[in-house]
C-alpha atoms as a PDB file:
ATOM      1  CA  MET A   1     108.814  44.646  99.167  1.00  0.00           C
ATOM      2  CA  LYS A   2     108.227  42.509  95.792  1.00  0.00           C
ATOM      3  CA  ARG A   3     105.102  41.505  97.636  1.00  0.00           C
ATOM      4  CA  HIS A   4     103.764  45.303  98.019  1.00  0.00           C
ATOM      5  CA  LEU A   5     104.436  46.034  94.297  1.00  0.00           C
ATOM      6  CA  SER A   6     102.655  42.943  93.293  1.00  0.00           C
ATOM      7  CA  VAL A   7      99.376  44.237  95.205  1.00  0.00           C
ATOM      8  CA  PHE A   8      99.860  47.833  93.886  1.00  0.00           C
ATOM      9  CA  LEU A   9      99.672  46.354  90.700  1.00  0.00           C
ATOM     10  CA  LYS A  10      97.072  44.218  90.811  1.00  0.00           C
ATOM     11  CA  GLY A  11      95.258  46.755  92.493  1.00  0.00           C
ATOM     12  CA  ALA A  12      95.839  49.027  89.586  1.00  0.00           C
ATOM     13  CA  GLY A  13      94.360  46.856  87.353  1.00  0.00           C
ATOM     14  CA  MET A  14      91.366  46.692  89.656  1.00  0.00           C
ATOM     15  CA  GLY A  15      90.582  50.517  89.645  1.00  0.00           C
ATOM     16  CA  ALA A  16      91.172  50.559  85.617  1.00  0.00           C
ATOM     17  CA  ALA A  17      88.750  47.935  85.087  1.00  0.00           C
ATOM     18  CA  ASP A  18      86.137  49.317  87.561  1.00  0.00           C
ATOM     19  CA  ALA A  19      86.575  52.847  85.444  1.00  0.00           C
ATOM     20  CA  VAL A  20      84.999  51.176  82.585  1.00  0.00           C
ATOM     21  CA  PRO A  21      81.213  50.174  82.480  1.00  0.00           C
ATOM     22  CA  GLY A  22      81.352  46.433  81.927  1.00  0.00           C
ATOM     23  CA  VAL A  23      84.221  45.220  83.527  1.00  0.00           C
ATOM     24  CA  SER A  24      84.709  44.283  87.109  1.00  0.00           C
ATOM     25  CA  GLY A  25      87.714  45.175  89.118  1.00  0.00           C
ATOM     26  CA  GLY A  26      86.822  41.729  91.124  1.00  0.00           C
ATOM     27  CA  THR A  27      87.453  40.176  88.183  1.00  0.00           C
ATOM     28  CA  ILE A  28      91.037  41.130  88.232  1.00  0.00           C
ATOM     29  CA  ALA A  29      91.089  40.469  91.849  1.00  0.00           C
ATOM     30  CA  PHE A  30      89.729  36.870  91.021  1.00  0.00           C
ATOM     31  CA  VAL A  31      92.190  35.928  87.676  1.00  0.00           C
ATOM     32  CA  THR A  32      95.191  37.579  89.462  1.00  0.00           C
ATOM     33  CA  GLY A  33      94.970  35.475  92.750  1.00  0.00           C
ATOM     34  CA  ILE A  34      93.745  37.671  95.404  1.00  0.00           C
ATOM     35  CA  TYR A  35      90.205  37.406  96.040  1.00  0.00           C
ATOM     36  CA  GLU A  36      89.404  35.264  98.344  1.00  0.00           C
ATOM     37  CA  GLU A  37      92.161  37.303 100.890  1.00  0.00           C
ATOM     38  CA  LEU A  38      90.394  40.606  99.437  1.00  0.00           C
ATOM     39  CA  ILE A  39      87.308  39.423 100.692  1.00  0.00           C
ATOM     40  CA  HIS A  40      88.401  38.307 104.066  1.00  0.00           C
ATOM     41  CA  THR A  41      90.796  41.382 104.806  1.00  0.00           C
ATOM     42  CA  ILE A  42      87.162  43.520 104.243  1.00  0.00           C
ATOM     43  CA  LYS A  43      85.602  41.596 106.582  1.00  0.00           C
ATOM     44  CA  GLN A  44      88.320  42.156 109.281  1.00  0.00           C
ATOM     45  CA  PHE A  45      87.334  45.971 108.951  1.00  0.00           C
ATOM     46  CA  GLY A  46      84.254  45.740 111.842  1.00  0.00           C
ATOM     47  CA  PRO A  47      83.970  45.402 115.519  1.00  0.00           C
ATOM     48  CA  SER A  48      86.855  42.503 116.062  1.00  0.00           C
ATOM     49  CA  ALA A  49      89.704  45.210 114.837  1.00  0.00           C
ATOM     50  CA  TYR A  50      89.303  47.090 118.488  1.00  0.00           C
ATOM     51  CA  PRO A  51      89.831  43.777 120.669  1.00  0.00           C
ATOM     52  CA  ALA A  52      92.906  42.787 118.207  1.00  0.00           C
ATOM     53  CA  TRP A  53      94.056  46.464 119.287  1.00  0.00           C
ATOM     54  CA  ARG A  54      93.535  46.284 122.579  1.00  0.00           C
ATOM     55  CA  ARG A  55      95.693  42.841 122.508  1.00  0.00           C
ATOM     56  CA  GLY A  56      98.455  43.468 120.607  1.00  0.00           C
ATOM     57  CA  GLY A  57      98.274  46.998 120.324  1.00  0.00           C
ATOM     58  CA  LEU A  58      98.959  48.513 116.833  1.00  0.00           C
ATOM     59  CA  ALA A  59     101.059  45.586 115.912  1.00  0.00           C
ATOM     60  CA  GLY A  60      98.371  43.596 116.296  1.00  0.00           C
ATOM     61  CA  LEU A  61      95.780  45.581 114.719  1.00  0.00           C
ATOM     62  CA  TYR A  62      98.017  45.653 111.712  1.00  0.00           C
ATOM     63  CA  HIS A  63      97.847  42.282 111.295  1.00  0.00           C
ATOM     64  CA  HIS A  64      94.162  41.706 111.997  1.00  0.00           C
ATOM     65  CA  LEU A  65      93.358  44.273 109.235  1.00  0.00           C
ATOM     66  CA  ASN A  66      96.279  42.736 106.891  1.00  0.00           C
ATOM     67  CA  LEU A  67      97.674  46.578 106.054  1.00  0.00           C
ATOM     68  CA  ALA A  68     100.575  44.648 104.448  1.00  0.00           C
ATOM     69  CA  PHE A  69      97.868  43.412 101.606  1.00  0.00           C
ATOM     70  CA  ALA A  70      95.144  46.176 102.091  1.00  0.00           C
ATOM     71  CA  LEU A  71      97.232  49.655 101.485  1.00  0.00           C
ATOM     72  CA  PRO A  72      99.388  48.448  98.808  1.00  0.00           C
ATOM     73  CA  LEU A  73      96.156  47.085  97.170  1.00  0.00           C
ATOM     74  CA  LEU A  74      94.021  50.365  97.906  1.00  0.00           C
ATOM     75  CA  LEU A  75      97.051  52.843  96.758  1.00  0.00           C
ATOM     76  CA  GLY A  76      97.054  50.621  93.894  1.00  0.00           C
ATOM     77  CA  ILE A  77      93.054  51.254  93.063  1.00  0.00           C
ATOM     78  CA  GLY A  78      93.428  54.985  94.509  1.00  0.00           C
ATOM     79  CA  VAL A  79      96.100  55.860  91.690  1.00  0.00           C
ATOM     80  CA  SER A  80      94.655  53.776  89.005  1.00  0.00           C
ATOM     81  CA  LEU A  81      90.964  55.737  89.280  1.00  0.00           C
ATOM     82  CA  VAL A  82      92.471  58.885  89.498  1.00  0.00           C
ATOM     83  CA  SER A  83      95.195  58.900  86.708  1.00  0.00           C
ATOM     84  CA  VAL A  84      92.799  56.710  84.118  1.00  0.00           C
ATOM     85  CA  ALA A  85      89.397  58.301  84.437  1.00  0.00           C
ATOM     86  CA  HIS A  86      90.556  60.671  81.385  1.00  0.00           C
ATOM     87  CA  LEU A  87      91.931  58.206  79.195  1.00  0.00           C
ATOM     88  CA  VAL A  88      88.640  55.717  79.803  1.00  0.00           C
ATOM     89  CA  VAL A  89      86.578  58.889  78.724  1.00  0.00           C
ATOM     90  CA  TRP A  90      88.410  59.493  76.016  1.00  0.00           C
ATOM     91  CA  LEU A  91      88.777  56.027  74.731  1.00  0.00           C
ATOM     92  CA  MET A  92      84.913  55.272  75.501  1.00  0.00           C
ATOM     93  CA  ASP A  93      84.060  58.413  73.225  1.00  0.00           C
ATOM     94  CA  ASP A  94      86.697  57.966  70.470  1.00  0.00           C
ATOM     95  CA  HIS A  95      87.592  54.348  70.440  1.00  0.00           C
ATOM     96  CA  PRO A  96      85.005  52.161  71.734  1.00  0.00           C
ATOM     97  CA  LEU A  97      84.849  49.428  69.823  1.00  0.00           C
ATOM     98  CA  LEU A  98      88.985  48.495  70.317  1.00  0.00           C
ATOM     99  CA  LEU A  99      87.644  49.534  73.914  1.00  0.00           C
ATOM    100  CA  ASN A 100      85.074  46.723  74.507  1.00  0.00           C
ATOM    101  CA  GLY A 101      87.445  44.369  72.137  1.00  0.00           C
ATOM    102  CA  PHE A 102      90.270  43.996  74.971  1.00  0.00           C
ATOM    103  CA  PHE A 103      87.808  43.632  77.938  1.00  0.00           C
ATOM    104  CA  PHE A 104      85.776  41.187  76.033  1.00  0.00           C
ATOM    105  CA  GLY A 105      88.673  39.050  75.248  1.00  0.00           C
ATOM    106  CA  LEU A 106      90.452  40.300  79.041  1.00  0.00           C
ATOM    107  CA  VAL A 107      86.985  38.898  80.385  1.00  0.00           C
ATOM    108  CA  ALA A 108      86.764  35.737  78.235  1.00  0.00           C
ATOM    109  CA  ALA A 109      90.028  33.868  79.217  1.00  0.00           C
ATOM    110  CA  SER A 110      89.304  34.923  82.406  1.00  0.00           C
ATOM    111  CA  ALA A 111      86.136  32.804  82.258  1.00  0.00           C
ATOM    112  CA  ILE A 112      88.295  29.772  81.238  1.00  0.00           C
ATOM    113  CA  VAL A 113      90.913  30.555  83.676  1.00  0.00           C
ATOM    114  CA  VAL A 114      88.629  30.477  86.667  1.00  0.00           C
ATOM    115  CA  SER A 115      86.358  27.529  84.910  1.00  0.00           C
ATOM    116  CA  ARG A 116      88.573  24.822  86.334  1.00  0.00           C
ATOM    117  CA  HIS A 117      86.487  22.604  88.199  1.00  0.00           C
ATOM    118  CA  PRO A 118      88.006  21.857  92.046  1.00  0.00           C
ATOM    119  CA  ALA A 119      88.614  18.255  93.506  1.00  0.00           C
ATOM    120  CA  ASP A 120      85.287  18.716  94.520  1.00  0.00           C
ATOM    121  CA  TRP A 121      82.978  19.683  91.714  1.00  0.00           C
ATOM    122  CA  LYS A 122      79.469  17.870  92.061  1.00  0.00           C
ATOM    123  CA  LEU A 123      77.145  18.034  89.450  1.00  0.00           C
ATOM    124  CA  TRP A 124      74.682  20.611  91.773  1.00  0.00           C
ATOM    125  CA  HIS A 125      76.851  23.308  91.309  1.00  0.00           C
ATOM    126  CA  LEU A 126      75.774  23.416  87.641  1.00  0.00           C
ATOM    127  CA  VAL A 127      72.929  25.290  89.946  1.00  0.00           C
ATOM    128  CA  PRO A 128      74.525  28.227  91.373  1.00  0.00           C
ATOM    129  CA  LEU A 129      76.148  28.276  87.959  1.00  0.00           C
ATOM    130  CA  ILE A 130      73.393  28.909  86.237  1.00  0.00           C
ATOM    131  CA  VAL A 131      72.156  31.343  89.040  1.00  0.00           C
ATOM    132  CA  GLY A 132      75.095  33.330  88.125  1.00  0.00           C
ATOM    133  CA  LEU A 133      74.789  33.398  84.601  1.00  0.00           C
ATOM    134  CA  LEU A 134      70.853  34.561  85.258  1.00  0.00           C
ATOM    135  CA  LEU A 135      71.670  37.222  87.632  1.00  0.00           C
ATOM    136  CA  ALA A 136      74.524  39.078  85.563  1.00  0.00           C
ATOM    137  CA  HIS A 137      71.657  39.258  82.623  1.00  0.00           C
ATOM    138  CA  GLY A 138      68.975  40.525  84.962  1.00  0.00           C
ATOM    139  CA  LEU A 139      70.581  42.957  87.611  1.00  0.00           C
ATOM    140  CA  PRO A 140      71.046  45.613  84.715  1.00  0.00           C
ATOM    141  CA  SER A 141      67.739  45.884  84.069  1.00  0.00           C
ATOM    142  CA  LEU A 142      66.851  46.568  87.725  1.00  0.00           C
ATOM    143  CA  MET A 143      68.865  49.170  88.420  1.00  0.00           C
ATOM    144  CA  PRO A 144      66.840  51.894  86.480  1.00  0.00           C
ATOM    145  CA  LEU A 145      64.630  51.766  89.654  1.00  0.00           C
ATOM    146  CA  VAL A 146      67.402  53.732  92.150  1.00  0.00           C
ATOM    147  CA  THR A 147      66.104  56.721  90.332  1.00  0.00           C
ATOM    148  CA  GLN A 148      62.830  56.600  91.445  1.00  0.00           C
ATOM    149  CA  LEU A 149      63.971  57.127  95.074  1.00  0.00           C
ATOM    150  CA  GLY A 150      63.993  60.601  94.371  1.00  0.00           C
ATOM    151  CA  VAL A 151      65.996  62.383  96.799  1.00  0.00           C
ATOM    152  CA  PRO A 152      69.710  62.767  95.291  1.00  0.00           C
ATOM    153  CA  SER A 153      71.530  62.162  98.487  1.00  0.00           C
ATOM    154  CA  LEU A 154      69.731  59.039  98.619  1.00  0.00           C
ATOM    155  CA  VAL A 155      69.966  57.768  94.847  1.00  0.00           C
ATOM    156  CA  LEU A 156      73.761  58.407  95.144  1.00  0.00           C
ATOM    157  CA  ILE A 157      74.144  56.526  98.318  1.00  0.00           C
ATOM    158  CA  VAL A 158      72.067  53.637  97.694  1.00  0.00           C
ATOM    159  CA  GLY A 159      74.093  53.719  93.848  1.00  0.00           C
ATOM    160  CA  GLY A 160      77.170  53.437  95.745  1.00  0.00           C
ATOM    161  CA  ALA A 161      75.981  50.726  97.790  1.00  0.00           C
ATOM    162  CA  ILE A 162      75.270  48.671  94.745  1.00  0.00           C
ATOM    163  CA  ALA A 163      78.516  49.416  92.506  1.00  0.00           C
ATOM    164  CA  ILE A 164      80.484  48.933  95.473  1.00  0.00           C
ATOM    165  CA  SER A 165      78.831  45.304  95.979  1.00  0.00           C
ATOM    166  CA  ALA A 166      79.126  44.597  92.337  1.00  0.00           C
ATOM    167  CA  LEU A 167      83.119  45.600  92.489  1.00  0.00           C
ATOM    168  CA  LEU A 168      83.123  42.534  95.098  1.00  0.00           C
ATOM    169  CA  LEU A 169      81.528  40.203  92.109  1.00  0.00           C
ATOM    170  CA  PRO A 170      83.689  38.607  89.552  1.00  0.00           C
ATOM    171  CA  GLY A 171      81.624  39.626  85.886  1.00  0.00           C
ATOM    172  CA  VAL A 172      79.302  42.440  87.574  1.00  0.00           C
ATOM    173  CA  SER A 173      80.580  45.730  87.061  1.00  0.00           C
ATOM    174  CA  GLY A 174      79.860  48.520  89.389  1.00  0.00           C
ATOM    175  CA  SER A 175      80.379  50.780  86.833  1.00  0.00           C
ATOM    176  CA  PHE A 176      77.926  49.503  84.562  1.00  0.00           C
ATOM    177  CA  LEU A 177      75.617  49.090  87.163  1.00  0.00           C
ATOM    178  CA  LEU A 178      76.272  53.248  87.727  1.00  0.00           C
ATOM    179  CA  LEU A 179      75.813  53.513  83.828  1.00  0.00           C
ATOM    180  CA  THR A 180      72.272  51.706  84.164  1.00  0.00           C
ATOM    181  CA  MET A 181      71.506  53.727  87.475  1.00  0.00           C
ATOM    182  CA  GLY A 182      71.876  57.321  85.419  1.00  0.00           C
ATOM    183  CA  LEU A 183      75.466  57.680  87.899  1.00  0.00           C
ATOM    184  CA  TYR A 184      78.012  57.020  85.934  1.00  0.00           C
ATOM    185  CA  GLY A 185      79.091  60.243  84.129  1.00  0.00           C
ATOM    186  CA  THR A 186      77.876  62.132  87.636  1.00  0.00           C
ATOM    187  CA  VAL A 187      80.675  59.914  89.533  1.00  0.00           C
ATOM    188  CA  MET A 188      83.326  60.122  86.685  1.00  0.00           C
ATOM    189  CA  GLN A 189      82.629  64.068  86.491  1.00  0.00           C
ATOM    190  CA  GLY A 190      82.810  63.856  90.823  1.00  0.00           C
ATOM    191  CA  ILE A 191      86.355  62.278  90.457  1.00  0.00           C
ATOM    192  CA  ARG A 192      87.740  64.505  87.987  1.00  0.00           C
ATOM    193  CA  SER A 193      86.829  67.160  89.286  1.00  0.00           C
ATOM    194  CA  PHE A 194      87.601  66.487  93.101  1.00  0.00           C
ATOM    195  CA  ASP A 195      83.564  67.556  94.042  1.00  0.00           C
ATOM    196  CA  LEU A 196      84.004  66.454  97.713  1.00  0.00           C
ATOM    197  CA  ALA A 197      80.236  66.968  98.539  1.00  0.00           C
ATOM    198  CA  LEU A 198      78.999  64.405  96.068  1.00  0.00           C
ATOM    199  CA  LEU A 199      81.812  61.841  97.035  1.00  0.00           C
ATOM    200  CA  SER A 200      81.269  62.114 100.280  1.00  0.00           C
ATOM    201  CA  THR A 201      77.903  61.143  99.899  1.00  0.00           C
ATOM    202  CA  PHE A 202      78.702  58.464  97.501  1.00  0.00           C
ATOM    203  CA  ALA A 203      81.178  57.041  99.620  1.00  0.00           C
ATOM    204  CA  VAL A 204      78.922  56.547 102.999  1.00  0.00           C
ATOM    205  CA  GLY A 205      77.134  54.081 100.486  1.00  0.00           C
ATOM    206  CA  CYS A 206      80.335  52.616  99.087  1.00  0.00           C
ATOM    207  CA  LEU A 207      81.143  51.809 103.151  1.00  0.00           C
ATOM    208  CA  ILE A 208      77.787  50.412 103.855  1.00  0.00           C
ATOM    209  CA  GLY A 209      78.010  48.203 100.543  1.00  0.00           C
ATOM    210  CA  LEU A 210      81.456  47.378 101.013  1.00  0.00           C
ATOM    211  CA  PHE A 211      81.294  46.003 104.784  1.00  0.00           C
ATOM    212  CA  GLY A 212      78.228  44.179 104.807  1.00  0.00           C
ATOM    213  CA  PHE A 213      78.519  42.290 101.088  1.00  0.00           C
ATOM    214  CA  SER A 214      82.111  41.304 102.183  1.00  0.00           C
ATOM    215  CA  ARG A 215      80.454  39.603 105.307  1.00  0.00           C
ATOM    216  CA  LEU A 216      78.080  37.336 103.348  1.00  0.00           C
ATOM    217  CA  LEU A 217      80.469  36.556 100.573  1.00  0.00           C
ATOM    218  CA  SER A 218      83.241  35.534 103.453  1.00  0.00           C
ATOM    219  CA  TRP A 219      80.785  33.529 104.888  1.00  0.00           C
ATOM    220  CA  LEU A 220      79.629  31.678 101.944  1.00  0.00           C
ATOM    221  CA  LEU A 221      82.701  31.003 100.853  1.00  0.00           C
ATOM    222  CA  ARG A 222      83.626  29.493 104.141  1.00  0.00           C
ATOM    223  CA  ARG A 223      80.693  27.391 104.517  1.00  0.00           C
ATOM    224  CA  TYR A 224      80.338  26.447 100.492  1.00  0.00           C
ATOM    225  CA  HIS A 225      83.532  27.136  98.978  1.00  0.00           C
ATOM    226  CA  THR A 226      82.988  25.290  95.279  1.00  0.00           C
ATOM    227  CA  ALA A 227      79.513  26.215  95.341  1.00  0.00           C
ATOM    228  CA  THR A 228      80.232  30.170  95.574  1.00  0.00           C
ATOM    229  CA  LEU A 229      83.418  30.078  93.378  1.00  0.00           C
ATOM    230  CA  GLN A 230      80.503  28.417  90.387  1.00  0.00           C
ATOM    231  CA  LEU A 231      78.534  31.168  91.164  1.00  0.00           C
ATOM    232  CA  LEU A 232      81.040  33.223  90.658  1.00  0.00           C
ATOM    233  CA  ILE A 233      82.449  32.075  87.438  1.00  0.00           C
ATOM    234  CA  GLY A 234      78.363  32.510  86.579  1.00  0.00           C
ATOM    235  CA  PHE A 235      78.939  36.217  87.046  1.00  0.00           C
ATOM    236  CA  ILE A 236      81.994  36.382  84.990  1.00  0.00           C
ATOM    237  CA  VAL A 237      80.608  34.558  81.731  1.00  0.00           C
ATOM    238  CA  GLY A 238      77.098  36.457  82.115  1.00  0.00           C
ATOM    239  CA  SER A 239      79.231  39.694  82.100  1.00  0.00           C
ATOM    240  CA  LEU A 240      80.235  38.952  78.473  1.00  0.00           C
ATOM    241  CA  PRO A 241      77.840  40.323  76.155  1.00  0.00           C
ATOM    242  CA  VAL A 242      77.468  43.764  77.436  1.00  0.00           C
ATOM    243  CA  LEU A 243      81.144  43.962  76.207  1.00  0.00           C
ATOM    244  CA  TRP A 244      80.532  43.046  73.233  1.00  0.00           C
ATOM    245  CA  PRO A 245      81.804  45.761  70.872  1.00  0.00           C
ATOM    246  CA  TRP A 246      79.009  45.378  67.675  1.00  0.00           C
ATOM    247  CA  ARG A 247      75.940  46.232  69.151  1.00  0.00           C
ATOM    248  CA  GLU A 248      72.792  48.046  68.663  1.00  0.00           C
ATOM    249  CA  LEU A 249      71.197  49.763  71.744  1.00  0.00           C
ATOM    250  CA  VAL A 250      67.189  49.194  71.270  1.00  0.00           C
ATOM    251  CA  ARG A 251      65.832  50.195  74.324  1.00  0.00           C
ATOM    252  CA  TYR A 252      66.813  52.538  76.839  1.00  0.00           C
ATOM    253  CA  GLN A 253      64.850  55.450  79.460  1.00  0.00           C
ATOM    254  CA  LEU A 254      65.830  58.552  80.136  1.00  0.00           C
ATOM    255  CA  GLY A 255      67.178  59.824  83.886  1.00  0.00           C
ATOM    256  CA  PRO A 256      66.417  62.226  86.228  1.00  0.00           C
ATOM    257  CA  GLU A 257      68.822  64.967  84.266  1.00  0.00           C
ATOM    258  CA  GLY A 258      67.797  63.512  80.701  1.00  0.00           C
ATOM    259  CA  GLN A 259      70.972  61.033  80.719  1.00  0.00           C
ATOM    260  CA  MET A 260      70.468  57.975  78.351  1.00  0.00           C
ATOM    261  CA  ILE A 261      70.518  54.700  80.588  1.00  0.00           C
ATOM    262  CA  PRO A 262      70.610  51.272  78.410  1.00  0.00           C
ATOM    263  CA  LEU A 263      68.476  48.786  78.935  1.00  0.00           C
ATOM    264  CA  ASP A 264      68.576  46.516  75.950  1.00  0.00           C
ATOM    265  CA  TYR A 265      70.879  45.650  73.128  1.00  0.00           C
ATOM    266  CA  ARG A 266      71.093  43.911  69.803  1.00  0.00           C
ATOM    267  CA  TYR A 267      74.509  41.794  69.227  1.00  0.00           C
ATOM    268  CA  LEU A 268      75.584  42.079  65.460  1.00  0.00           C
ATOM    269  CA  THR A 269      78.426  41.008  63.130  1.00  0.00           C
ATOM    270  CA  PRO A 270      80.916  43.630  62.286  1.00  0.00           C
ATOM    271  CA  GLY A 271      79.687  43.349  58.659  1.00  0.00           C
ATOM    272  CA  ASP A 272      75.938  43.891  60.178  1.00  0.00           C
ATOM    273  CA  TYR A 273      77.489  47.018  62.545  1.00  0.00           C
ATOM    274  CA  ALA A 274      79.244  48.432  59.540  1.00  0.00           C
ATOM    275  CA  ILE A 275      76.206  48.574  57.499  1.00  0.00           C
ATOM    276  CA  LEU A 276      73.801  50.066  60.228  1.00  0.00           C
ATOM    277  CA  THR A 277      76.046  52.935  61.277  1.00  0.00           C
ATOM    278  CA  GLY A 278      77.687  53.539  58.138  1.00  0.00           C
ATOM    279  CA  GLU A 279      81.149  53.440  59.813  1.00  0.00           C
ATOM    280  CA  SER A 280      83.853  50.849  59.772  1.00  0.00           C
ATOM    281  CA  GLY A 281      83.567  47.714  61.984  1.00  0.00           C
ATOM    282  CA  LEU A 282      86.826  47.442  62.378  1.00  0.00           C
ATOM    283  CA  MET A 283      86.988  44.113  62.713  1.00  0.00           C
ATOM    284  CA  LEU A 284      90.903  43.316  62.384  1.00  0.00           C
ATOM    285  CA  PRO A 285      91.886  45.429  64.835  1.00  0.00           C
ATOM    286  CA  VAL A 286      89.124  44.836  67.272  1.00  0.00           C
ATOM    287  CA  VAL A 287      89.982  40.880  67.153  1.00  0.00           C
ATOM    288  CA  ILE A 288      93.526  42.267  67.910  1.00  0.00           C
ATOM    289  CA  ALA A 289      92.712  44.279  70.730  1.00  0.00           C
ATOM    290  CA  MET A 290      90.336  40.686  71.953  1.00  0.00           C
ATOM    291  CA  LEU A 291      93.331  38.544  71.819  1.00  0.00           C
ATOM    292  CA  PHE A 292      96.110  40.903  73.717  1.00  0.00           C
ATOM    293  CA  GLY A 293      93.454  41.058  76.557  1.00  0.00           C
ATOM    294  CA  ALA A 294      92.949  37.357  76.585  1.00  0.00           C
ATOM    295  CA  ALA A 295      97.069  37.196  76.030  1.00  0.00           C
ATOM    296  CA  LEU A 296      96.959  39.392  79.489  1.00  0.00           C
ATOM    297  CA  VAL A 297      94.737  37.718  81.469  1.00  0.00           C
ATOM    298  CA  LEU A 298      97.030  34.009  80.426  1.00  0.00           C
ATOM    299  CA  GLY A 299     100.153  35.788  81.517  1.00  0.00           C
ATOM    300  CA  VAL A 300      98.785  36.792  84.706  1.00  0.00           C
ATOM    301  CA  ALA A 301      97.099  33.471  85.454  1.00  0.00           C
ATOM    302  CA  ARG A 302     100.596  31.572  84.756  1.00  0.00           C
ATOM    303  CA  GLY A 303     102.485  34.141  86.391  1.00  0.00           C
ATOM    304  CA  SER A 304     100.425  33.369  89.675  1.00  0.00           C
ATOM    305  CA  GLY A 305     101.891  29.791  89.751  1.00  0.00           C
ATOM    306  CA  GLY A 306      98.953  27.826  88.990  1.00  0.00           C
ATOM    307  CA  SER A 307      97.381  28.950  92.120  1.00  0.00           C
ATOM    308  CA  ALA A 308      93.213  28.187  92.582  1.00  0.00           C
ATOM    309  CA  PRO A 309      90.857  31.008  91.054  1.00  0.00           C
ATOM    310  CA  GLY A 310      90.759  33.588  93.489  1.00  0.00           C
ATOM    311  CA  ARG A 311      93.114  32.136  95.830  1.00  0.00           C
ATOM    312  CA  ALA A 312      96.539  33.622  96.641  1.00  0.00           C
ATOM    313  CA  ALA A 313      99.233  31.592  95.333  1.00  0.00           C
ATOM    314  CA  ASN A 314     101.059  31.924  99.239  1.00  0.00           C
ATOM    315  CA  GLY A 315      98.106  30.885 101.068  1.00  0.00           C
ATOM    316  CA  SER A 316      98.238  33.627 103.174  1.00  0.00           C
ATOM    317  CA  HIS A 317      94.998  35.092 105.264  1.00  0.00           C
ATOM    318  CA  ASN A 318      92.672  33.741 102.833  1.00  0.00           C
ATOM    319  CA  SER A 319      92.026  29.826 103.619  1.00  0.00           C
ATOM    320  CA  PRO A 320      88.766  29.129 103.779  1.00  0.00           C
ATOM    321  CA  ASP A 321      87.219  26.363 105.581  1.00  0.00           C
ATOM    322  CA  LYS A 322      86.063  23.839 103.402  1.00  0.00           C
ATOM    323  CA  GLU A 323      82.334  23.801 101.929  1.00  0.00           C
ATOM    324  CA  GLY A 324      79.616  22.910 104.657  1.00  0.00           C
ATOM    325  CA  SER A 325      81.785  23.378 107.806  1.00  0.00           C
ATOM    326  CA  ASN A 326      80.737  25.149 110.546  1.00  0.00           C
ATOM    327  CA  ALA A 327      83.534  27.560 111.137  1.00  0.00           C
END
């Protein structure tokens, strides 16, 4: 029961993070030590489930799919997404500096926690780290191309596949990519109003991205474990500029429904922000929010018992093979 509650709360944290543009639920999974178990569990949902059911019945299927982990996690994500959607919209509209400050501190501390070099770290592992940084910086600028697909249902499917894949990557925000695709408001409104037609179309894309990308990540973690972790750390560090509270939108384009799609920002000091906007930069409250976010991550990391980044402290169901193995 304690394990189920812990996984539920971690799922709730992932759902809350994914509701905010610029924050990744994958980061929460990574810091709380369930990332690799999450990836390998998702991978189990596929053709291999059928022979597991034939061999062991429902009990075998339950074990094969790791439902003791998956069910409380999904429940936590779902409850959080539905309940947090209204709160997040309100905070984004009325207190964006505090919200961004909190998540900047959270992600910055996450980068520190997960950047510890494992025993087999080598100098060439800087390459995937840099690749992760570049991809985190460049991906949002490519997302507006999705809107050029034209057909609304196809845009939703492709957007869902991309957003759910981003959910699996620490530091890459599926919500922010939805925002750059011009779909964030559409999807959030669909969640709040329970628009089943829209959500079903979006879910098709999510399923495609979820099962395809989880298999790729699982393979990378088994074959190139340390290099893949360095790539993921690059994504986390590369996401920090998106969360800097004091910034000015300098380049954008309009989506097919007239919504503003951000493309580039200029990053400011609190003083410059106050001069530019005529409003208070709220430096002290934002710094407090940053410290609170950082303290939350450090507390979670300490509570996980010092396990390796992304790997459950109990080591169950997620032990990848050593880098370069042939498994």
